Amino acid sequence: MKTLTGTYYKGRLKLDKPFKVEKPIKVILSFDEEEISELKLADFSFMETQELLKDCNTSFSDEIIEERRKAV
């Protein structure tokens, strides 16, 4: 098992050091207890999400279906 460190903020994870992999891998994300704050609806932005996904050429549901097919 490899341990990586980084910072999670506004739905994004930024690793402290680059980490390259050849194929998708499963991960476990743990938060330091003193760093956890309660999420509120105001923490999420529909407009920001649209901006982040503007270059996405597939649908979220298609990606979930494909991921589940690969897992079987």
C-alpha atoms as a PDB file:
ATOM      1  CA  MET A   1       0.000   0.000   0.000  1.00  0.00           C
ATOM      2  CA  LYS A   2       1.286   3.457  -0.948  1.00  0.00           C
ATOM      3  CA  THR A   3       0.596   6.472   1.276  1.00  0.00           C
ATOM      4  CA  LEU A   4       0.211   9.887  -0.320  1.00  0.00           C
ATOM      5  CA  THR A   5      -0.421  13.242   1.291  1.00  0.00           C
ATOM      6  CA  GLY A   6      -2.207  16.248  -0.074  1.00  0.00           C
ATOM      7  CA  THR A   7      -4.924  18.809   0.497  1.00  0.00           C
ATOM      8  CA  TYR A   8      -8.648  18.394  -0.198  1.00  0.00           C
ATOM      9  CA  TYR A   9     -10.515  21.659  -0.816  1.00  0.00           C
ATOM     10  CA  LYS A  10     -13.768  22.475  -2.611  1.00  0.00           C
ATOM     11  CA  GLY A  11     -14.128  19.022  -4.115  1.00  0.00           C
ATOM     12  CA  ARG A  12     -10.572  18.740  -5.371  1.00  0.00           C
ATOM     13  CA  LEU A  13      -7.622  16.757  -4.094  1.00  0.00           C
ATOM     14  CA  LYS A  14      -4.157  18.200  -4.705  1.00  0.00           C
ATOM     15  CA  LEU A  15      -1.327  15.802  -3.962  1.00  0.00           C
ATOM     16  CA  ASP A  16       1.858  17.118  -2.368  1.00  0.00           C
ATOM     17  CA  LYS A  17       3.933  15.136  -4.895  1.00  0.00           C
ATOM     18  CA  PRO A  18       3.021  13.785  -8.357  1.00  0.00           C
ATOM     19  CA  PHE A  19       1.958  10.138  -8.512  1.00  0.00           C
ATOM     20  CA  LYS A  20       1.595   8.383 -11.857  1.00  0.00           C
ATOM     21  CA  VAL A  21      -0.341   5.176 -12.428  1.00  0.00           C
ATOM     22  CA  GLU A  22      -0.894   3.105 -15.568  1.00  0.00           C
ATOM     23  CA  LYS A  23      -4.559   2.294 -14.916  1.00  0.00           C
ATOM     24  CA  PRO A  24      -7.364   3.305 -12.533  1.00  0.00           C
ATOM     25  CA  ILE A  25      -6.806   2.192  -8.961  1.00  0.00           C
ATOM     26  CA  LYS A  26      -9.034   2.120  -5.909  1.00  0.00           C
ATOM     27  CA  VAL A  27      -8.131   4.517  -3.123  1.00  0.00           C
ATOM     28  CA  ILE A  28      -9.080   5.150   0.492  1.00  0.00           C
ATOM     29  CA  LEU A  29      -9.271   8.775   1.549  1.00  0.00           C
ATOM     30  CA  SER A  30      -8.875   9.564   5.261  1.00  0.00           C
ATOM     31  CA  PHE A  31      -9.306  12.978   6.835  1.00  0.00           C
ATOM     32  CA  ASP A  32      -7.461  14.181   9.929  1.00  0.00           C
ATOM     33  CA  GLU A  33     -10.098  14.669  12.620  1.00  0.00           C
ATOM     34  CA  GLU A  34      -9.050  18.215  13.490  1.00  0.00           C
ATOM     35  CA  GLU A  35      -9.334  19.216   9.822  1.00  0.00           C
ATOM     36  CA  ILE A  36     -12.956  18.086   9.315  1.00  0.00           C
ATOM     37  CA  SER A  37     -15.597  20.772   9.177  1.00  0.00           C
ATOM     38  CA  GLU A  38     -19.280  20.260   8.568  1.00  0.00           C
ATOM     39  CA  LEU A  39     -20.250  20.615   4.908  1.00  0.00           C
ATOM     40  CA  LYS A  40     -23.180  22.838   4.071  1.00  0.00           C
ATOM     41  CA  LEU A  41     -25.210  23.174   0.892  1.00  0.00           C
ATOM     42  CA  ALA A  42     -23.590  26.584   0.388  1.00  0.00           C
ATOM     43  CA  ASP A  43     -20.206  24.809   0.041  1.00  0.00           C
ATOM     44  CA  PHE A  44     -21.324  23.394  -3.319  1.00  0.00           C
ATOM     45  CA  SER A  45     -21.658  25.404  -6.499  1.00  0.00           C
ATOM     46  CA  PHE A  46     -23.677  24.237  -9.496  1.00  0.00           C
ATOM     47  CA  MET A  47     -21.994  26.883 -11.663  1.00  0.00           C
ATOM     48  CA  GLU A  48     -18.510  25.825 -10.540  1.00  0.00           C
ATOM     49  CA  THR A  49     -19.332  22.188 -11.296  1.00  0.00           C
ATOM     50  CA  GLN A  50     -20.585  23.128 -14.768  1.00  0.00           C
ATOM     51  CA  GLU A  51     -17.351  25.004 -15.418  1.00  0.00           C
ATOM     52  CA  LEU A  52     -15.236  22.050 -14.273  1.00  0.00           C
ATOM     53  CA  LEU A  53     -17.156  19.670 -16.544  1.00  0.00           C
ATOM     54  CA  LYS A  54     -17.436  21.883 -19.632  1.00  0.00           C
ATOM     55  CA  ASP A  55     -14.906  19.775 -21.585  1.00  0.00           C
ATOM     56  CA  CYS A  56     -16.363  16.436 -20.498  1.00  0.00           C
ATOM     57  CA  ASN A  57     -17.561  14.489 -23.553  1.00  0.00           C
ATOM     58  CA  THR A  58     -19.584  11.860 -21.719  1.00  0.00           C
ATOM     59  CA  SER A  59     -22.359  11.697 -19.173  1.00  0.00           C
ATOM     60  CA  PHE A  60     -21.891  10.965 -15.504  1.00  0.00           C
ATOM     61  CA  SER A  61     -24.352   8.059 -15.675  1.00  0.00           C
ATOM     62  CA  ASP A  62     -22.480   6.510 -18.642  1.00  0.00           C
ATOM     63  CA  GLU A  63     -19.245   6.669 -16.639  1.00  0.00           C
ATOM     64  CA  ILE A  64     -20.856   4.995 -13.608  1.00  0.00           C
ATOM     65  CA  ILE A  65     -22.280   2.211 -15.804  1.00  0.00           C
ATOM     66  CA  GLU A  66     -18.893   1.640 -17.445  1.00  0.00           C
ATOM     67  CA  GLU A  67     -17.111   1.619 -14.075  1.00  0.00           C
ATOM     68  CA  ARG A  68     -19.533  -0.957 -12.699  1.00  0.00           C
ATOM     69  CA  ARG A  69     -19.158  -3.169 -15.771  1.00  0.00           C
ATOM     70  CA  LYS A  70     -15.383  -3.170 -15.313  1.00  0.00           C
ATOM     71  CA  ALA A  71     -15.737  -4.088 -11.635  1.00  0.00           C
ATOM     72  CA  VAL A  72     -17.646  -7.296 -12.391  1.00  0.00           C
END
